[in-house]
Amino acid sequence: MKTETVSTNGIEMDYASFGSGKRAFVILPGVSVKSVMPSAIAIRSAYKCFCDTHTVYVFDRRKNMPEPYSVRQMAADTAVVMQALGIRDADIFGASQGGMMAMCLAIDNPELVHKIALGSTSAKADDAVYDLMDRWIGSAQSGDVTALTALMIDDLFSPNTIGRFREALVHMNDDADERDLRRFIIQTQAIHGFDLSGELQQIKCPAFVIGSEGDRVLPVAHSRRIAEKLGCKLYVYGSEYGHCVFDEAPDYKQRLYDFFQDEAL
C-alpha cells in the first residue's frame, strides 16, 4: 500500500492505493473531521475482497481547499486528480457526501466512470439535513473537538455500535486542530444547496444504491428517490444500522464487490 500526494493544476490531494488488479476501484469518503489517510490500513483491511481484481484508490479532499467549496467542485477536483493518475472507466463507491461526488462525476465526467455504488447519500438535501449540518457546524465553530465528535457519533452510528465502541469513537478526533475544524466546516457547508435531482437522468452508467432504515443523517427516503430516478437496484438495510452502515454491516463490502463484478447489471 502507498500513500502519496498529487499536485496538479493547482490542486494538492492525498490518496492511498492498494491491490493488484487491472480494474480501478475508487472510494470517495464522506465528510470527516480529519484526513482519511491515517485510516488507510484499516480501509485496506475492510476492502480486501477487491485487492485481487482491482487497484483501489482512496481519495481525500484537496489540501488547499477554497472557501466556499461546493460538492460539484470537490468532484471536479477529484476528476482532475484521477486524470493525472491515468484513472478512467473506474468502479466508484461514494459514501454520504462521497456519493454526492460520485453522482457529479457520472454526470460531468462519464468517461471516468464504469459503475457507481451510492451509499447513504442524497441527490438533494432538505431542511432536516440542513438543520443537522448546522448543528455540526455550530459545534465545530465552538472549537470543542470532543463535543463535536460525541454529537456526530450519536447521529452517524446505530445504538448497538455506540454501545459497543463509544469510548473508542469519542476519541477518534482527539488530535484534530483548528485547521482540521475549518476544513470540516467548509465540507459540511457544501451540503447546503446541493441539488442534482433534475440531472439524475444524465447518469447512464450502471448504479447500485444502498441505504439504511436507521439512517438519521440522510434518511432512507433519499436513497429510495435516487434509485427510483435511476431505475437501478436498491438494497435497504434495517433499522439496526445507522448512517455509517457501510462500516457497520458485515456483508456491505461483499455486496459492493458482487455489484462491480456482475457485468449483467
Protein backbone atom coordinates (compact mmCIF):
# COMPACT_ATOMS: atom_id res chain seq x y z
CA MET A 1 0.00 0.00 0.00
CA LYS A 2 1.17 3.52 -0.73
CA THR A 3 0.05 6.98 0.37
CA GLU A 4 1.03 9.85 -1.87
CA THR A 5 0.17 13.44 -2.73
CA VAL A 6 -0.80 14.56 -6.22
CA SER A 7 -0.06 18.15 -7.20
CA THR A 8 -1.67 19.16 -10.49
CA ASN A 9 -3.43 22.23 -11.87
CA GLY A 10 -3.11 24.00 -8.52
CA ILE A 11 -4.69 21.06 -6.64
CA GLU A 12 -2.94 19.13 -3.87
CA MET A 13 -4.68 15.93 -2.86
CA ASP A 14 -3.60 12.92 -0.83
CA TYR A 15 -4.59 9.43 -1.85
CA ALA A 16 -3.90 5.87 -0.77
CA SER A 17 -3.76 2.92 -3.14
CA PHE A 18 -3.57 -0.83 -2.71
CA GLY A 19 -4.42 -4.01 -4.56
CA SER A 20 -3.00 -5.52 -7.74
CA GLY A 21 -5.99 -5.86 -10.07
CA LYS A 22 -6.25 -4.35 -13.54
CA ARG A 23 -9.52 -2.51 -12.85
CA ALA A 24 -9.64 0.74 -10.87
CA PHE A 25 -11.88 0.99 -7.82
CA VAL A 26 -12.24 4.49 -6.38
CA ILE A 27 -13.54 5.14 -2.86
CA LEU A 28 -14.90 8.62 -2.12
CA PRO A 29 -15.44 9.06 1.63
CA GLY A 30 -17.95 11.36 3.28
CA VAL A 31 -17.33 14.42 5.43
CA SER A 32 -14.73 13.89 8.12
CA VAL A 33 -13.05 15.98 10.79
CA LYS A 34 -9.59 14.66 9.90
CA SER A 35 -7.93 13.33 6.79
CA VAL A 36 -8.83 9.73 5.99
CA MET A 37 -5.21 8.90 5.19
CA PRO A 38 -4.32 7.74 8.74
CA SER A 39 -7.12 5.16 8.33
CA ALA A 40 -5.70 3.76 5.08
CA ILE A 41 -4.56 0.48 6.64
CA ALA A 42 -8.00 -0.11 8.16
CA ILE A 43 -9.63 0.73 4.81
CA ARG A 44 -7.38 -1.77 3.03
CA SER A 45 -8.40 -4.46 5.50
CA ALA A 46 -12.10 -3.63 5.10
CA TYR A 47 -11.92 -3.76 1.28
CA LYS A 48 -9.54 -6.71 0.98
CA CYS A 49 -12.02 -8.60 -1.24
CA PHE A 50 -11.21 -6.08 -4.03
CA CYS A 51 -7.43 -6.47 -3.90
CA ASP A 52 -7.07 -9.25 -6.49
CA THR A 53 -9.43 -7.85 -9.11
CA HIS A 54 -8.88 -4.10 -8.62
CA THR A 55 -6.32 -1.48 -7.78
CA VAL A 56 -8.10 0.51 -5.08
CA TYR A 57 -7.75 4.28 -4.70
CA VAL A 58 -8.99 6.21 -1.66
CA PHE A 59 -9.07 9.95 -2.24
CA ASP A 60 -9.01 12.62 0.42
CA ARG A 61 -10.37 16.13 -0.20
CA ARG A 62 -7.87 18.59 -1.63
CA LYS A 63 -5.43 20.14 0.83
CA ASN A 64 -5.63 23.72 -0.39
CA MET A 65 -9.40 23.84 -0.04
CA PRO A 66 -11.11 27.01 -1.31
CA GLU A 67 -13.95 28.68 0.53
CA PRO A 68 -16.74 28.27 -0.34
CA TYR A 69 -16.27 24.82 -1.84
CA SER A 70 -19.21 23.08 -3.48
CA VAL A 71 -19.72 19.33 -3.76
CA ARG A 72 -19.53 19.69 -7.52
CA GLN A 73 -16.15 21.43 -7.20
CA MET A 74 -14.96 18.58 -4.96
CA ALA A 75 -15.94 16.10 -7.68
CA ALA A 76 -14.29 18.20 -10.40
CA ASP A 77 -11.04 18.38 -8.42
CA THR A 78 -11.12 14.62 -7.89
CA ALA A 79 -11.66 14.17 -11.64
CA VAL A 80 -8.54 16.24 -12.36
CA VAL A 81 -6.50 14.06 -9.98
CA MET A 82 -7.93 10.85 -11.44
CA GLN A 83 -6.94 12.03 -14.91
CA ALA A 84 -3.46 12.92 -13.68
CA LEU A 85 -3.08 9.37 -12.35
CA GLY A 86 -4.38 7.84 -15.58
CA ILE A 87 -7.56 6.51 -13.94
CA ARG A 88 -10.61 6.19 -16.18
CA ASP A 89 -13.58 3.81 -16.57
CA ALA A 90 -13.38 3.21 -12.82
CA ASP A 91 -15.74 1.44 -10.46
CA ILE A 92 -16.65 4.11 -7.93
CA PHE A 93 -18.14 3.85 -4.45
CA GLY A 94 -19.21 7.06 -2.78
CA ALA A 95 -20.38 7.16 0.84
CA SER A 96 -22.55 10.05 2.09
CA GLN A 97 -21.05 13.25 0.62
CA GLY A 98 -18.79 10.94 -1.39
CA GLY A 99 -21.92 9.55 -3.01
CA MET A 100 -22.93 13.07 -4.00
CA MET A 101 -19.50 13.48 -5.56
CA ALA A 102 -19.84 10.14 -7.38
CA MET A 103 -23.10 11.28 -8.97
CA CYS A 104 -21.43 14.53 -10.07
CA LEU A 105 -18.59 12.54 -11.65
CA ALA A 106 -21.03 10.29 -13.50
CA ILE A 107 -22.81 13.36 -14.89
CA ASP A 108 -19.86 15.64 -15.63
CA ASN A 109 -17.08 13.13 -16.39
CA PRO A 110 -18.77 9.94 -17.61
CA GLU A 111 -15.56 8.72 -19.27
CA LEU A 112 -14.06 8.26 -15.80
CA VAL A 113 -16.91 6.11 -14.52
CA HIS A 114 -17.70 2.48 -15.28
CA LYS A 115 -20.19 1.84 -12.46
CA ILE A 116 -21.22 3.71 -9.32
CA ALA A 117 -22.39 2.47 -5.94
CA LEU A 118 -24.05 5.11 -3.78
CA GLY A 119 -24.12 4.55 -0.03
CA SER A 120 -26.22 6.55 2.47
CA THR A 121 -26.44 9.56 0.20
CA SER A 122 -28.81 12.07 -1.37
CA ALA A 123 -29.35 13.88 -4.66
CA LYS A 124 -30.93 16.84 -2.88
CA ALA A 125 -30.54 17.88 0.73
CA ASP A 126 -33.60 19.24 2.55
CA ASP A 127 -34.32 21.38 5.59
CA ALA A 128 -33.96 18.46 8.01
CA VAL A 129 -30.50 17.72 6.63
CA TYR A 130 -29.57 21.41 6.74
CA ASP A 131 -30.61 21.61 10.39
CA LEU A 132 -28.41 18.66 11.30
CA MET A 133 -25.46 20.03 9.31
CA ASP A 134 -25.89 23.40 11.05
CA ARG A 135 -25.67 21.68 14.45
CA TRP A 136 -22.40 20.07 13.39
CA ILE A 137 -21.06 23.35 12.04
CA GLY A 138 -22.02 25.22 15.21
CA SER A 139 -20.27 22.64 17.35
CA ALA A 140 -17.14 22.81 15.16
CA GLN A 141 -17.12 26.60 15.36
CA SER A 142 -17.04 26.36 19.15
CA GLY A 143 -13.68 24.61 18.86
CA ASP A 144 -14.63 21.74 21.17
CA VAL A 145 -13.49 18.67 19.22
CA THR A 146 -14.72 16.21 21.86
CA ALA A 147 -18.21 17.71 21.89
CA LEU A 148 -18.35 17.71 18.09
CA THR A 149 -17.24 14.09 17.92
CA ALA A 150 -19.78 13.00 20.52
CA LEU A 151 -22.55 14.78 18.62
CA MET A 152 -21.57 13.18 15.34
CA ILE A 153 -21.30 9.71 16.85
CA ASP A 154 -24.89 9.89 18.06
CA ASP A 155 -26.05 10.92 14.59
CA LEU A 156 -23.89 8.61 12.49
CA PHE A 157 -23.95 5.23 14.21
CA SER A 158 -26.50 2.72 15.37
CA PRO A 159 -27.25 2.30 19.09
CA ASN A 160 -25.53 -1.10 19.00
CA THR A 161 -22.28 0.33 17.61
CA ILE A 162 -22.39 3.24 20.03
CA GLY A 163 -22.96 0.90 22.95
CA ARG A 164 -20.01 -1.29 21.99
CA PHE A 165 -17.46 1.25 20.79
CA ARG A 166 -18.41 4.69 22.10
CA GLU A 167 -15.32 5.04 24.29
CA ALA A 168 -13.02 4.49 21.31
CA LEU A 169 -15.12 6.51 18.87
CA VAL A 170 -15.32 9.58 21.07
CA HIS A 171 -11.51 9.86 21.00
CA MET A 172 -11.04 9.35 17.25
CA ASN A 173 -10.53 13.08 16.61
CA ASP A 174 -8.54 13.96 19.72
CA ASP A 175 -5.56 15.23 17.72
CA ALA A 176 -7.65 17.40 15.36
CA ASP A 177 -6.52 21.02 15.20
CA GLU A 178 -8.04 24.34 14.16
CA ARG A 179 -7.18 23.70 10.50
CA ASP A 180 -8.99 20.34 10.61
CA LEU A 181 -12.09 22.00 12.05
CA ARG A 182 -12.00 24.68 9.34
CA ARG A 183 -11.82 22.02 6.61
CA PHE A 184 -14.68 20.14 8.27
CA ILE A 185 -16.83 23.28 8.32
CA ILE A 186 -16.13 24.00 4.63
CA GLN A 187 -17.05 20.42 3.66
CA THR A 188 -20.22 20.44 5.73
CA GLN A 189 -21.33 23.84 4.41
CA ALA A 190 -21.12 22.38 0.90
CA ILE A 191 -24.23 20.30 1.61
CA HIS A 192 -26.33 23.46 1.62
CA GLY A 193 -27.91 23.98 -1.77
CA PHE A 194 -26.71 20.67 -3.20
CA ASP A 195 -29.29 19.51 -5.75
CA LEU A 196 -28.84 17.00 -8.57
CA SER A 197 -32.47 15.88 -8.56
CA GLY A 198 -33.10 17.38 -12.00
CA GLU A 199 -29.93 15.89 -13.51
CA LEU A 200 -30.03 12.26 -12.43
CA GLN A 201 -31.37 11.17 -15.83
CA GLN A 202 -27.97 12.12 -17.25
CA ILE A 203 -26.33 9.24 -15.36
CA LYS A 204 -26.03 6.43 -17.90
CA CYS A 205 -23.66 4.03 -16.16
CA PRO A 206 -24.94 1.10 -14.06
CA ALA A 207 -25.71 2.15 -10.50
CA PHE A 208 -26.44 0.49 -7.16
CA VAL A 209 -27.95 2.38 -4.22
CA ILE A 210 -27.64 1.21 -0.60
CA GLY A 211 -29.45 2.78 2.33
CA SER A 212 -30.48 2.01 5.88
CA GLU A 213 -33.78 2.37 7.70
CA GLY A 214 -31.82 3.55 10.73
CA ASP A 215 -30.07 6.44 8.93
CA ARG A 216 -30.65 9.65 10.90
CA VAL A 217 -28.39 11.84 8.74
CA LEU A 218 -29.68 11.17 5.22
CA PRO A 219 -32.83 9.11 5.82
CA VAL A 220 -33.52 6.16 3.57
CA ALA A 221 -36.13 8.11 1.58
CA HIS A 222 -33.21 9.92 -0.08
CA SER A 223 -31.77 6.59 -1.27
CA ARG A 224 -35.16 5.41 -2.49
CA ARG A 225 -35.64 8.57 -4.57
CA ILE A 226 -32.24 8.18 -6.23
CA ALA A 227 -32.89 4.54 -7.10
CA GLU A 228 -36.33 5.38 -8.47
CA LYS A 229 -34.95 8.16 -10.68
CA LEU A 230 -32.08 5.98 -11.93
CA GLY A 231 -34.20 2.86 -12.29
CA CYS A 232 -31.44 0.91 -10.61
CA LYS A 233 -31.00 -1.74 -7.96
CA LEU A 234 -31.66 -0.67 -4.37
CA TYR A 235 -30.75 -2.51 -1.19
CA VAL A 236 -32.03 -1.25 2.16
CA TYR A 237 -30.70 -2.46 5.50
CA GLY A 238 -32.98 -2.47 8.52
CA SER A 239 -33.14 -0.09 11.44
CA GLU A 240 -30.35 -1.96 13.24
CA TYR A 241 -27.81 0.04 11.22
CA GLY A 242 -27.24 3.79 11.05
CA HIS A 243 -25.89 6.26 8.50
CA CYS A 244 -22.48 4.54 8.66
CA VAL A 245 -23.97 1.21 7.65
CA PHE A 246 -21.06 0.95 5.18
CA ASP A 247 -18.81 0.49 8.22
CA GLU A 248 -21.29 -1.39 10.39
CA ALA A 249 -22.89 -4.12 8.25
CA PRO A 250 -20.56 -7.16 7.92
CA ASP A 251 -21.80 -8.03 4.41
CA TYR A 252 -21.66 -4.49 2.96
CA LYS A 253 -18.31 -4.77 1.17
CA GLN A 254 -19.30 -8.10 -0.37
CA ARG A 255 -22.49 -6.54 -1.74
CA LEU A 256 -20.38 -3.83 -3.35
CA TYR A 257 -17.97 -6.36 -4.77
CA ASP A 258 -20.76 -8.50 -6.22
CA PHE A 259 -22.27 -5.46 -7.94
CA PHE A 260 -19.00 -4.40 -9.50
CA GLN A 261 -18.23 -7.96 -10.63
CA ASP A 262 -21.64 -8.57 -12.23
CA GLU A 263 -21.43 -7.26 -15.78
CA ALA A 264 -25.06 -8.24 -16.40
CA LEU A 265 -26.26 -5.37 -14.15
